[in-house]
């Protein structure tokens, strides 16, 4: 995820930190893109 998704908290996604130093590797959230998934697997290991 590049951005937070806090809608379940009932505050219209206003809560939580906005600067997460994250990178979705090419797709936001769940994906079936094999290349993106492989990149994520490697990045978690890094």
ModelCIF file with pLDDT and N, C-alpha, C, O atoms, coordinates in Angstrom:
data_MODEL
#
_entry.id   MODEL 
#
_entity.id                         1 
_entity.type                       polymer 
_entity.pdbx_number_of_molecules   1 
#
_entity_poly.entity_id                      1 
_entity_poly.type                           'polypeptide(L)' 
_entity_poly.nstd_linkage                   no 
_entity_poly.nstd_monomer                   no 
_entity_poly.pdbx_seq_one_letter_code       
;(UNK)(UNK)(UNK)(UNK)(UNK)(UNK)(UNK)(UNK)(UNK)(UNK)(UNK)(UNK)(UNK)(UNK)(UNK)(UNK)
(UNK)(UNK)(UNK)(UNK)(UNK)(UNK)(UNK)(UNK)(UNK)(UNK)(UNK)(UNK)(UNK)(UNK)(UNK)(UNK)
(UNK)(UNK)(UNK)(UNK)(UNK)(UNK)(UNK)(UNK)(UNK)(UNK)(UNK)(UNK)(UNK)(UNK)
;
_entity_poly.pdbx_seq_one_letter_code_can   XXXXXXXXXXXXXXXXXXXXXXXXXXXXXXXXXXXXXXXXXXXXXX 
_entity_poly.pdbx_strand_id                 A 
#
loop_
_entity_poly_seq.entity_id 
_entity_poly_seq.num 
_entity_poly_seq.mon_id 
_entity_poly_seq.hetero 
1 1  UNK n 
1 2  UNK n 
1 3  UNK n 
1 4  UNK n 
1 5  UNK n 
1 6  UNK n 
1 7  UNK n 
1 8  UNK n 
1 9  UNK n 
1 10 UNK n 
1 11 UNK n 
1 12 UNK n 
1 13 UNK n 
1 14 UNK n 
1 15 UNK n 
1 16 UNK n 
1 17 UNK n 
1 18 UNK n 
1 19 UNK n 
1 20 UNK n 
1 21 UNK n 
1 22 UNK n 
1 23 UNK n 
1 24 UNK n 
1 25 UNK n 
1 26 UNK n 
1 27 UNK n 
1 28 UNK n 
1 29 UNK n 
1 30 UNK n 
1 31 UNK n 
1 32 UNK n 
1 33 UNK n 
1 34 UNK n 
1 35 UNK n 
1 36 UNK n 
1 37 UNK n 
1 38 UNK n 
1 39 UNK n 
1 40 UNK n 
1 41 UNK n 
1 42 UNK n 
1 43 UNK n 
1 44 UNK n 
1 45 UNK n 
1 46 UNK n 
#
_struct_asym.id          A 
_struct_asym.entity_id   1 
#
loop_
_ma_qa_metric.id 
_ma_qa_metric.mode 
_ma_qa_metric.name 
_ma_qa_metric.software_group_id 
_ma_qa_metric.type 
1 global pLDDT . pLDDT 
2 local  pLDDT . pLDDT 
#
_ma_qa_metric_global.metric_id      1 
_ma_qa_metric_global.metric_value   96.46 
_ma_qa_metric_global.model_id       1 
_ma_qa_metric_global.ordinal_id     1 
#
loop_
_ma_qa_metric_local.label_asym_id 
_ma_qa_metric_local.label_comp_id 
_ma_qa_metric_local.label_seq_id 
_ma_qa_metric_local.metric_id 
_ma_qa_metric_local.metric_value 
_ma_qa_metric_local.model_id 
_ma_qa_metric_local.ordinal_id 
A UNK 1  2 98.00 1 1  
A UNK 2  2 97.00 1 2  
A UNK 3  2 97.00 1 3  
A UNK 4  2 97.00 1 4  
A UNK 5  2 98.00 1 5  
A UNK 6  2 97.00 1 6  
A UNK 7  2 96.00 1 7  
A UNK 8  2 95.00 1 8  
A UNK 9  2 94.00 1 9  
A UNK 10 2 92.00 1 10 
A UNK 11 2 92.00 1 11 
A UNK 12 2 94.00 1 12 
A UNK 13 2 96.00 1 13 
A UNK 14 2 96.00 1 14 
A UNK 15 2 94.00 1 15 
A UNK 16 2 94.00 1 16 
A UNK 17 2 92.00 1 17 
A UNK 18 2 91.00 1 18 
A UNK 19 2 92.00 1 19 
A UNK 20 2 96.00 1 20 
A UNK 21 2 97.00 1 21 
A UNK 22 2 98.00 1 22 
A UNK 23 2 97.00 1 23 
A UNK 24 2 98.00 1 24 
A UNK 25 2 97.00 1 25 
A UNK 26 2 97.00 1 26 
A UNK 27 2 98.00 1 27 
A UNK 28 2 98.00 1 28 
A UNK 29 2 97.00 1 29 
A UNK 30 2 97.00 1 30 
A UNK 31 2 98.00 1 31 
A UNK 32 2 97.00 1 32 
A UNK 33 2 98.00 1 33 
A UNK 34 2 98.00 1 34 
A UNK 35 2 97.00 1 35 
A UNK 36 2 98.00 1 36 
A UNK 37 2 98.00 1 37 
A UNK 38 2 97.00 1 38 
A UNK 39 2 98.00 1 39 
A UNK 40 2 98.00 1 40 
A UNK 41 2 98.00 1 41 
A UNK 42 2 98.00 1 42 
A UNK 43 2 98.00 1 43 
A UNK 44 2 98.00 1 44 
A UNK 45 2 98.00 1 45 
A UNK 46 2 98.00 1 46 
#
loop_
_atom_site.group_PDB 
_atom_site.id 
_atom_site.type_symbol 
_atom_site.label_atom_id 
_atom_site.label_alt_id 
_atom_site.label_comp_id 
_atom_site.label_asym_id 
_atom_site.label_entity_id 
_atom_site.label_seq_id 
_atom_site.pdbx_PDB_ins_code 
_atom_site.Cartn_x 
_atom_site.Cartn_y 
_atom_site.Cartn_z 
_atom_site.occupancy 
_atom_site.B_iso_or_equiv 
_atom_site.pdbx_formal_charge 
_atom_site.auth_seq_id 
_atom_site.auth_comp_id 
_atom_site.auth_asym_id 
_atom_site.auth_atom_id 
_atom_site.pdbx_PDB_model_num 
ATOM 1   N N  . UNK A 1 1  ? 0.838   -1.203  0.000   1.00 98.00 ? 1  UNK A N  1 
ATOM 2   C CA . UNK A 1 1  ? 0.000   0.000   0.000   1.00 98.00 ? 1  UNK A CA 1 
ATOM 3   C C  . UNK A 1 1  ? 0.870   1.250   0.000   1.00 98.00 ? 1  UNK A C  1 
ATOM 4   O O  . UNK A 1 1  ? 1.842   1.350   0.749   1.00 98.00 ? 1  UNK A O  1 
ATOM 5   N N  . UNK A 1 2  ? 0.501   2.201   -0.856  1.00 97.00 ? 2  UNK A N  1 
ATOM 6   C CA . UNK A 1 2  ? 1.115   3.527   -0.806  1.00 97.00 ? 2  UNK A CA 1 
ATOM 7   C C  . UNK A 1 2  ? 0.410   4.415   0.203   1.00 97.00 ? 2  UNK A C  1 
ATOM 8   O O  . UNK A 1 2  ? 1.021   5.315   0.781   1.00 97.00 ? 2  UNK A O  1 
ATOM 9   N N  . UNK A 1 3  ? -0.870  4.167   0.416   1.00 97.00 ? 3  UNK A N  1 
ATOM 10  C CA . UNK A 1 3  ? -1.692  5.028   1.262   1.00 97.00 ? 3  UNK A CA 1 
ATOM 11  C C  . UNK A 1 3  ? -2.429  4.200   2.305   1.00 97.00 ? 3  UNK A C  1 
ATOM 12  O O  . UNK A 1 3  ? -2.670  3.007   2.119   1.00 97.00 ? 3  UNK A O  1 
ATOM 13  N N  . UNK A 1 4  ? -2.781  4.856   3.405   1.00 97.00 ? 4  UNK A N  1 
ATOM 14  C CA . UNK A 1 4  ? -3.550  4.188   4.448   1.00 97.00 ? 4  UNK A CA 1 
ATOM 15  C C  . UNK A 1 4  ? -5.006  4.022   4.001   1.00 97.00 ? 4  UNK A C  1 
ATOM 16  O O  . UNK A 1 4  ? -5.525  4.794   3.194   1.00 97.00 ? 4  UNK A O  1 
ATOM 17  N N  . UNK A 1 5  ? -5.639  2.995   4.551   1.00 98.00 ? 5  UNK A N  1 
ATOM 18  C CA . UNK A 1 5  ? -7.038  2.704   4.242   1.00 98.00 ? 5  UNK A CA 1 
ATOM 19  C C  . UNK A 1 5  ? -7.744  2.389   5.558   1.00 98.00 ? 5  UNK A C  1 
ATOM 20  O O  . UNK A 1 5  ? -7.953  1.228   5.907   1.00 98.00 ? 5  UNK A O  1 
ATOM 21  N N  . UNK A 1 6  ? -8.107  3.452   6.282   1.00 97.00 ? 6  UNK A N  1 
ATOM 22  C CA . UNK A 1 6  ? -8.606  3.324   7.651   1.00 97.00 ? 6  UNK A CA 1 
ATOM 23  C C  . UNK A 1 6  ? -10.112 3.542   7.751   1.00 97.00 ? 6  UNK A C  1 
ATOM 24  O O  . UNK A 1 6  ? -10.611 3.912   8.813   1.00 97.00 ? 6  UNK A O  1 
ATOM 25  N N  . UNK A 1 7  ? -10.838 3.318   6.664   1.00 96.00 ? 7  UNK A N  1 
ATOM 26  C CA . UNK A 1 7  ? -12.269 3.597   6.649   1.00 96.00 ? 7  UNK A CA 1 
ATOM 27  C C  . UNK A 1 7  ? -13.025 2.847   7.745   1.00 96.00 ? 7  UNK A C  1 
ATOM 28  O O  . UNK A 1 7  ? -14.012 3.356   8.277   1.00 96.00 ? 7  UNK A O  1 
ATOM 29  N N  . UNK A 1 8  ? -12.568 1.636   8.085   1.00 95.00 ? 8  UNK A N  1 
ATOM 30  C CA . UNK A 1 8  ? -13.265 0.833   9.095   1.00 95.00 ? 8  UNK A CA 1 
ATOM 31  C C  . UNK A 1 8  ? -13.261 1.490   10.470  1.00 95.00 ? 8  UNK A C  1 
ATOM 32  O O  . UNK A 1 8  ? -14.047 1.103   11.335  1.00 95.00 ? 8  UNK A O  1 
ATOM 33  N N  . UNK A 1 9  ? -12.396 2.471   10.689  1.00 94.00 ? 9  UNK A N  1 
ATOM 34  C CA . UNK A 1 9  ? -12.316 3.131   11.996  1.00 94.00 ? 9  UNK A CA 1 
ATOM 35  C C  . UNK A 1 9  ? -13.415 4.163   12.206  1.00 94.00 ? 9  UNK A C  1 
ATOM 36  O O  . UNK A 1 9  ? -13.564 4.695   13.306  1.00 94.00 ? 9  UNK A O  1 
ATOM 37  N N  . UNK A 1 10 ? -14.178 4.446   11.174  1.00 92.00 ? 10 UNK A N  1 
ATOM 38  C CA . UNK A 1 10 ? -15.309 5.361   11.312  1.00 92.00 ? 10 UNK A CA 1 
ATOM 39  C C  . UNK A 1 10 ? -14.944 6.822   11.377  1.00 92.00 ? 10 UNK A C  1 
ATOM 40  O O  . UNK A 1 10 ? -15.734 7.633   11.861  1.00 92.00 ? 10 UNK A O  1 
ATOM 41  N N  . UNK A 1 11 ? -13.752 7.186   10.895  1.00 92.00 ? 11 UNK A N  1 
ATOM 42  C CA . UNK A 1 11 ? -13.336 8.591   10.916  1.00 92.00 ? 11 UNK A CA 1 
ATOM 43  C C  . UNK A 1 11 ? -13.019 9.103   9.509   1.00 92.00 ? 11 UNK A C  1 
ATOM 44  O O  . UNK A 1 11 ? -12.248 10.047  9.338   1.00 92.00 ? 11 UNK A O  1 
ATOM 45  N N  . UNK A 1 12 ? -13.623 8.466   8.513   1.00 94.00 ? 12 UNK A N  1 
ATOM 46  C CA . UNK A 1 12 ? -13.484 8.874   7.115   1.00 94.00 ? 12 UNK A CA 1 
ATOM 47  C C  . UNK A 1 12 ? -12.021 8.929   6.670   1.00 94.00 ? 12 UNK A C  1 
ATOM 48  O O  . UNK A 1 12 ? -11.626 9.785   5.878   1.00 94.00 ? 12 UNK A O  1 
ATOM 49  N N  . UNK A 1 13 ? -11.231 7.996   7.199   1.00 96.00 ? 13 UNK A N  1 
ATOM 50  C CA . UNK A 1 13 ? -9.820  7.836   6.832   1.00 96.00 ? 13 UNK A CA 1 
ATOM 51  C C  . UNK A 1 13 ? -8.961  9.040   7.232   1.00 96.00 ? 13 UNK A C  1 
ATOM 52  O O  . UNK A 1 13 ? -7.882  9.248   6.677   1.00 96.00 ? 13 UNK A O  1 
ATOM 53  N N  . UNK A 1 14 ? -9.442  9.830   8.197   1.00 96.00 ? 14 UNK A N  1 
ATOM 54  C CA . UNK A 1 14 ? -8.665  10.996  8.644   1.00 96.00 ? 14 UNK A CA 1 
ATOM 55  C C  . UNK A 1 14 ? -7.632  10.607  9.690   1.00 96.00 ? 14 UNK A C  1 
ATOM 56  O O  . UNK A 1 14 ? -6.643  11.318  9.871   1.00 96.00 ? 14 UNK A O  1 
ATOM 57  N N  . UNK A 1 15 ? -7.843  9.495   10.379  1.00 94.00 ? 15 UNK A N  1 
ATOM 58  C CA . UNK A 1 15 ? -6.948  9.092   11.464  1.00 94.00 ? 15 UNK A CA 1 
ATOM 59  C C  . UNK A 1 15 ? -5.751  8.342   10.899  1.00 94.00 ? 15 UNK A C  1 
ATOM 60  O O  . UNK A 1 15 ? -5.745  7.944   9.734   1.00 94.00 ? 15 UNK A O  1 
ATOM 61  N N  . UNK A 1 16 ? -4.744  8.155   11.733  1.00 94.00 ? 16 UNK A N  1 
ATOM 62  C CA . UNK A 1 16 ? -3.552  7.421   11.307  1.00 94.00 ? 16 UNK A CA 1 
ATOM 63  C C  . UNK A 1 16 ? -2.565  8.314   10.590  1.00 94.00 ? 16 UNK A C  1 
ATOM 64  O O  . UNK A 1 16 ? -2.922  9.361   10.051  1.00 94.00 ? 16 UNK A O  1 
ATOM 65  N N  . UNK A 1 17 ? -1.319  7.880   10.594  1.00 92.00 ? 17 UNK A N  1 
ATOM 66  C CA . UNK A 1 17 ? -0.226  8.655   10.007  1.00 92.00 ? 17 UNK A CA 1 
ATOM 67  C C  . UNK A 1 17 ? -0.295  8.594   8.489   1.00 92.00 ? 17 UNK A C  1 
ATOM 68  O O  . UNK A 1 17 ? -0.571  7.542   7.912   1.00 92.00 ? 17 UNK A O  1 
ATOM 69  N N  . UNK A 1 18 ? -0.040  9.735   7.843   1.00 91.00 ? 18 UNK A N  1 
ATOM 70  C CA . UNK A 1 18 ? -0.103  9.787   6.387   1.00 91.00 ? 18 UNK A CA 1 
ATOM 71  C C  . UNK A 1 18 ? 1.206   9.488   5.694   1.00 91.00 ? 18 UNK A C  1 
ATOM 72  O O  . UNK A 1 18 ? 1.217   9.200   4.497   1.00 91.00 ? 18 UNK A O  1 
ATOM 73  N N  . UNK A 1 19 ? 2.321   9.549   6.425   1.00 92.00 ? 19 UNK A N  1 
ATOM 74  C CA . UNK A 1 19 ? 3.634   9.310   5.826   1.00 92.00 ? 19 UNK A CA 1 
ATOM 75  C C  . UNK A 1 19 ? 4.155   7.969   6.301   1.00 92.00 ? 19 UNK A C  1 
ATOM 76  O O  . UNK A 1 19 ? 4.749   7.872   7.374   1.00 92.00 ? 19 UNK A O  1 
ATOM 77  N N  . UNK A 1 20 ? 3.932   6.925   5.497   1.00 96.00 ? 20 UNK A N  1 
ATOM 78  C CA . UNK A 1 20 ? 4.241   5.568   5.930   1.00 96.00 ? 20 UNK A CA 1 
ATOM 79  C C  . UNK A 1 20 ? 5.522   5.000   5.338   1.00 96.00 ? 20 UNK A C  1 
ATOM 80  O O  . UNK A 1 20 ? 5.907   3.877   5.663   1.00 96.00 ? 20 UNK A O  1 
ATOM 81  N N  . UNK A 1 21 ? 6.199   5.772   4.458   1.00 97.00 ? 21 UNK A N  1 
ATOM 82  C CA . UNK A 1 21 ? 7.418   5.284   3.813   1.00 97.00 ? 21 UNK A CA 1 
ATOM 83  C C  . UNK A 1 21 ? 7.205   3.880   3.250   1.00 97.00 ? 21 UNK A C  1 
ATOM 84  O O  . UNK A 1 21 ? 8.044   2.993   3.403   1.00 97.00 ? 21 UNK A O  1 
ATOM 85  N N  . UNK A 1 22 ? 6.070   3.708   2.602   1.00 98.00 ? 22 UNK A N  1 
ATOM 86  C CA . UNK A 1 22 ? 5.707   2.419   2.023   1.00 98.00 ? 22 UNK A CA 1 
ATOM 87  C C  . UNK A 1 22 ? 5.683   2.530   0.501   1.00 98.00 ? 22 UNK A C  1 
ATOM 88  O O  . UNK A 1 22 ? 5.672   3.625   -0.063  1.00 98.00 ? 22 UNK A O  1 
ATOM 89  N N  . UNK A 1 23 ? 5.676   1.367   -0.146  1.00 97.00 ? 23 UNK A N  1 
ATOM 90  C CA . UNK A 1 23 ? 5.635   1.319   -1.614  1.00 97.00 ? 23 UNK A CA 1 
ATOM 91  C C  . UNK A 1 23 ? 4.917   0.039   -2.019  1.00 97.00 ? 23 UNK A C  1 
ATOM 92  O O  . UNK A 1 23 ? 5.301   -1.057  -1.611  1.00 97.00 ? 23 UNK A O  1 
ATOM 93  N N  . UNK A 1 24 ? 3.873   0.189   -2.823  1.00 98.00 ? 24 UNK A N  1 
ATOM 94  C CA . UNK A 1 24 ? 3.040   -0.958  -3.179  1.00 98.00 ? 24 UNK A CA 1 
ATOM 95  C C  . UNK A 1 24 ? 3.607   -1.803  -4.312  1.00 98.00 ? 24 UNK A C  1 
ATOM 96  O O  . UNK A 1 24 ? 2.981   -2.788  -4.705  1.00 98.00 ? 24 UNK A O  1 
ATOM 97  N N  . UNK A 1 25 ? 4.735   -1.461  -4.831  1.00 97.00 ? 25 UNK A N  1 
ATOM 98  C CA . UNK A 1 25 ? 5.445   -2.219  -5.869  1.00 97.00 ? 25 UNK A CA 1 
ATOM 99  C C  . UNK A 1 25 ? 4.693   -2.281  -7.202  1.00 97.00 ? 25 UNK A C  1 
ATOM 100 O O  . UNK A 1 25 ? 5.005   -3.101  -8.065  1.00 97.00 ? 25 UNK A O  1 
ATOM 101 N N  . UNK A 1 26 ? 3.694   -1.399  -7.357  1.00 97.00 ? 26 UNK A N  1 
ATOM 102 C CA . UNK A 1 26 ? 3.027   -1.329  -8.656  1.00 97.00 ? 26 UNK A CA 1 
ATOM 103 C C  . UNK A 1 26 ? 1.541   -1.548  -8.647  1.00 97.00 ? 26 UNK A C  1 
ATOM 104 O O  . UNK A 1 26 ? 0.904   -1.369  -9.686  1.00 97.00 ? 26 UNK A O  1 
ATOM 105 N N  . UNK A 1 27 ? 0.947   -1.927  -7.529  1.00 98.00 ? 27 UNK A N  1 
ATOM 106 C CA . UNK A 1 27 ? -0.509  -2.104  -7.441  1.00 98.00 ? 27 UNK A CA 1 
ATOM 107 C C  . UNK A 1 27 ? -0.927  -1.843  -6.002  1.00 98.00 ? 27 UNK A C  1 
ATOM 108 O O  . UNK A 1 27 ? -0.240  -2.270  -5.074  1.00 98.00 ? 27 UNK A O  1 
ATOM 109 N N  . UNK A 1 28 ? -2.033  -1.154  -5.804  1.00 98.00 ? 28 UNK A N  1 
ATOM 110 C CA . UNK A 1 28 ? -2.495  -0.821  -4.459  1.00 98.00 ? 28 UNK A CA 1 
ATOM 111 C C  . UNK A 1 28 ? -3.309  -1.972  -3.880  1.00 98.00 ? 28 UNK A C  1 
ATOM 112 O O  . UNK A 1 28 ? -4.378  -2.306  -4.391  1.00 98.00 ? 28 UNK A O  1 
ATOM 113 N N  . UNK A 1 29 ? -2.792  -2.578  -2.806  1.00 97.00 ? 29 UNK A N  1 
ATOM 114 C CA . UNK A 1 29 ? -3.524  -3.638  -2.130  1.00 97.00 ? 29 UNK A CA 1 
ATOM 115 C C  . UNK A 1 29 ? -3.420  -4.977  -2.833  1.00 97.00 ? 29 UNK A C  1 
ATOM 116 O O  . UNK A 1 29 ? -2.436  -5.266  -3.515  1.00 97.00 ? 29 UNK A O  1 
ATOM 117 N N  . UNK A 1 30 ? -4.446  -5.782  -2.656  1.00 97.00 ? 30 UNK A N  1 
ATOM 118 C CA . UNK A 1 30 ? -4.454  -7.131  -3.221  1.00 97.00 ? 30 UNK A CA 1 
ATOM 119 C C  . UNK A 1 30 ? -4.350  -7.086  -4.740  1.00 97.00 ? 30 UNK A C  1 
ATOM 120 O O  . UNK A 1 30 ? -4.921  -6.213  -5.394  1.00 97.00 ? 30 UNK A O  1 
ATOM 121 N N  . UNK A 1 31 ? -3.614  -8.036  -5.280  1.00 98.00 ? 31 UNK A N  1 
ATOM 122 C CA . UNK A 1 31 ? -3.444  -8.126  -6.727  1.00 98.00 ? 31 UNK A CA 1 
ATOM 123 C C  . UNK A 1 31 ? -3.118  -9.564  -7.096  1.00 98.00 ? 31 UNK A C  1 
ATOM 124 O O  . UNK A 1 31 ? -2.637  -10.333 -6.264  1.00 98.00 ? 31 UNK A O  1 
ATOM 125 N N  . UNK A 1 32 ? -3.383  -9.924  -8.348  1.00 97.00 ? 32 UNK A N  1 
ATOM 126 C CA . UNK A 1 32 ? -2.962  -11.236 -8.847  1.00 97.00 ? 32 UNK A CA 1 
ATOM 127 C C  . UNK A 1 32 ? -1.841  -11.098 -9.867  1.00 97.00 ? 32 UNK A C  1 
ATOM 128 O O  . UNK A 1 32 ? -1.528  -12.046 -10.587 1.00 97.00 ? 32 UNK A O  1 
ATOM 129 N N  . UNK A 1 33 ? -1.232  -9.900  -9.925  1.00 98.00 ? 33 UNK A N  1 
ATOM 130 C CA . UNK A 1 33 ? -0.114  -9.663  -10.829 1.00 98.00 ? 33 UNK A CA 1 
ATOM 131 C C  . UNK A 1 33 ? 1.116   -10.393 -10.290 1.00 98.00 ? 33 UNK A C  1 
ATOM 132 O O  . UNK A 1 33 ? 1.646   -10.039 -9.237  1.00 98.00 ? 33 UNK A O  1 
ATOM 133 N N  . UNK A 1 34 ? 1.564   -11.416 -11.023 1.00 98.00 ? 34 UNK A N  1 
ATOM 134 C CA . UNK A 1 34 ? 2.656   -12.263 -10.548 1.00 98.00 ? 34 UNK A CA 1 
ATOM 135 C C  . UNK A 1 34 ? 3.942   -11.485 -10.340 1.00 98.00 ? 34 UNK A C  1 
ATOM 136 O O  . UNK A 1 34 ? 4.682   -11.752 -9.393  1.00 98.00 ? 34 UNK A O  1 
ATOM 137 N N  . UNK A 1 35 ? 4.216   -10.524 -11.216 1.00 97.00 ? 35 UNK A N  1 
ATOM 138 C CA . UNK A 1 35 ? 5.451   -9.752  -11.089 1.00 97.00 ? 35 UNK A CA 1 
ATOM 139 C C  . UNK A 1 35 ? 5.431   -8.884  -9.836  1.00 97.00 ? 35 UNK A C  1 
ATOM 140 O O  . UNK A 1 35 ? 6.436   -8.773  -9.133  1.00 97.00 ? 35 UNK A O  1 
ATOM 141 N N  . UNK A 1 36 ? 4.283   -8.272  -9.562  1.00 98.00 ? 36 UNK A N  1 
ATOM 142 C CA . UNK A 1 36 ? 4.150   -7.449  -8.356  1.00 98.00 ? 36 UNK A CA 1 
ATOM 143 C C  . UNK A 1 36 ? 4.272   -8.322  -7.108  1.00 98.00 ? 36 UNK A C  1 
ATOM 144 O O  . UNK A 1 36 ? 4.953   -7.954  -6.151  1.00 98.00 ? 36 UNK A O  1 
ATOM 145 N N  . UNK A 1 37 ? 3.618   -9.463  -7.125  1.00 98.00 ? 37 UNK A N  1 
ATOM 146 C CA . UNK A 1 37 ? 3.673   -10.356 -5.968  1.00 98.00 ? 37 UNK A CA 1 
ATOM 147 C C  . UNK A 1 37 ? 5.090   -10.832 -5.700  1.00 98.00 ? 37 UNK A C  1 
ATOM 148 O O  . UNK A 1 37 ? 5.510   -10.900 -4.544  1.00 98.00 ? 37 UNK A O  1 
ATOM 149 N N  . UNK A 1 38 ? 5.828   -11.161 -6.744  1.00 97.00 ? 38 UNK A N  1 
ATOM 150 C CA . UNK A 1 38 ? 7.207   -11.598 -6.572  1.00 97.00 ? 38 UNK A CA 1 
ATOM 151 C C  . UNK A 1 38 ? 8.062   -10.490 -5.973  1.00 97.00 ? 38 UNK A C  1 
ATOM 152 O O  . UNK A 1 38 ? 8.897   -10.739 -5.104  1.00 97.00 ? 38 UNK A O  1 
ATOM 153 N N  . UNK A 1 39 ? 7.849   -9.267  -6.445  1.00 98.00 ? 39 UNK A N  1 
ATOM 154 C CA . UNK A 1 39 ? 8.597   -8.127  -5.913  1.00 98.00 ? 39 UNK A CA 1 
ATOM 155 C C  . UNK A 1 39 ? 8.270   -7.912  -4.433  1.00 98.00 ? 39 UNK A C  1 
ATOM 156 O O  . UNK A 1 39 ? 9.156   -7.597  -3.638  1.00 98.00 ? 39 UNK A O  1 
ATOM 157 N N  . UNK A 1 40 ? 7.008   -8.081  -4.070  1.00 98.00 ? 40 UNK A N  1 
ATOM 158 C CA . UNK A 1 40 ? 6.622   -7.918  -2.666  1.00 98.00 ? 40 UNK A CA 1 
ATOM 159 C C  . UNK A 1 40 ? 7.245   -9.000  -1.787  1.00 98.00 ? 40 UNK A C  1 
ATOM 160 O O  . UNK A 1 40 ? 7.722   -8.721  -0.687  1.00 98.00 ? 40 UNK A O  1 
ATOM 161 N N  . UNK A 1 41 ? 7.234   -10.229 -2.282  1.00 98.00 ? 41 UNK A N  1 
ATOM 162 C CA . UNK A 1 41 ? 7.842   -11.313 -1.503  1.00 98.00 ? 41 UNK A CA 1 
ATOM 163 C C  . UNK A 1 41 ? 9.311   -11.001 -1.217  1.00 98.00 ? 41 UNK A C  1 
ATOM 164 O O  . UNK A 1 41 ? 9.783   -11.179 -0.094  1.00 98.00 ? 41 UNK A O  1 
ATOM 165 N N  . UNK A 1 42 ? 10.011  -10.546 -2.218  1.00 98.00 ? 42 UNK A N  1 
ATOM 166 C CA . UNK A 1 42 ? 11.435  -10.242 -2.052  1.00 98.00 ? 42 UNK A CA 1 
ATOM 167 C C  . UNK A 1 42 ? 11.628  -9.053  -1.112  1.00 98.00 ? 42 UNK A C  1 
ATOM 168 O O  . UNK A 1 42 ? 12.536  -9.057  -0.280  1.00 98.00 ? 42 UNK A O  1 
ATOM 169 N N  . UNK A 1 43 ? 10.780  -8.042  -1.242  1.00 98.00 ? 43 UNK A N  1 
ATOM 170 C CA . UNK A 1 43 ? 10.935  -6.843  -0.411  1.00 98.00 ? 43 UNK A CA 1 
ATOM 171 C C  . UNK A 1 43 ? 10.677  -7.147  1.058   1.00 98.00 ? 43 UNK A C  1 
ATOM 172 O O  . UNK A 1 43 ? 11.345  -6.586  1.926   1.00 98.00 ? 43 UNK A O  1 
ATOM 173 N N  . UNK A 1 44 ? 9.726   -8.020  1.352   1.00 98.00 ? 44 UNK A N  1 
ATOM 174 C CA . UNK A 1 44 ? 9.504   -8.422  2.747   1.00 98.00 ? 44 UNK A CA 1 
ATOM 175 C C  . UNK A 1 44 ? 10.753  -9.103  3.306   1.00 98.00 ? 44 UNK A C  1 
ATOM 176 O O  . UNK A 1 44 ? 11.132  -8.869  4.454   1.00 98.00 ? 44 UNK A O  1 
ATOM 177 N N  . UNK A 1 45 ? 11.381  -9.934  2.503   1.00 98.00 ? 45 UNK A N  1 
ATOM 178 C CA . UNK A 1 45 ? 12.596  -10.609 2.937   1.00 98.00 ? 45 UNK A CA 1 
ATOM 179 C C  . UNK A 1 45 ? 13.736  -9.614  3.139   1.00 98.00 ? 45 UNK A C  1 
ATOM 180 O O  . UNK A 1 45 ? 14.536  -9.767  4.063   1.00 98.00 ? 45 UNK A O  1 
ATOM 181 N N  . UNK A 1 46 ? 13.815  -8.598  2.282   1.00 98.00 ? 46 UNK A N  1 
ATOM 182 C CA . UNK A 1 46 ? 14.845  -7.570  2.446   1.00 98.00 ? 46 UNK A CA 1 
ATOM 183 C C  . UNK A 1 46 ? 14.700  -6.856  3.782   1.00 98.00 ? 46 UNK A C  1 
ATOM 184 O O  . UNK A 1 46 ? 15.484  -5.958  4.090   1.00 98.00 ? 46 UNK A O  1 
#
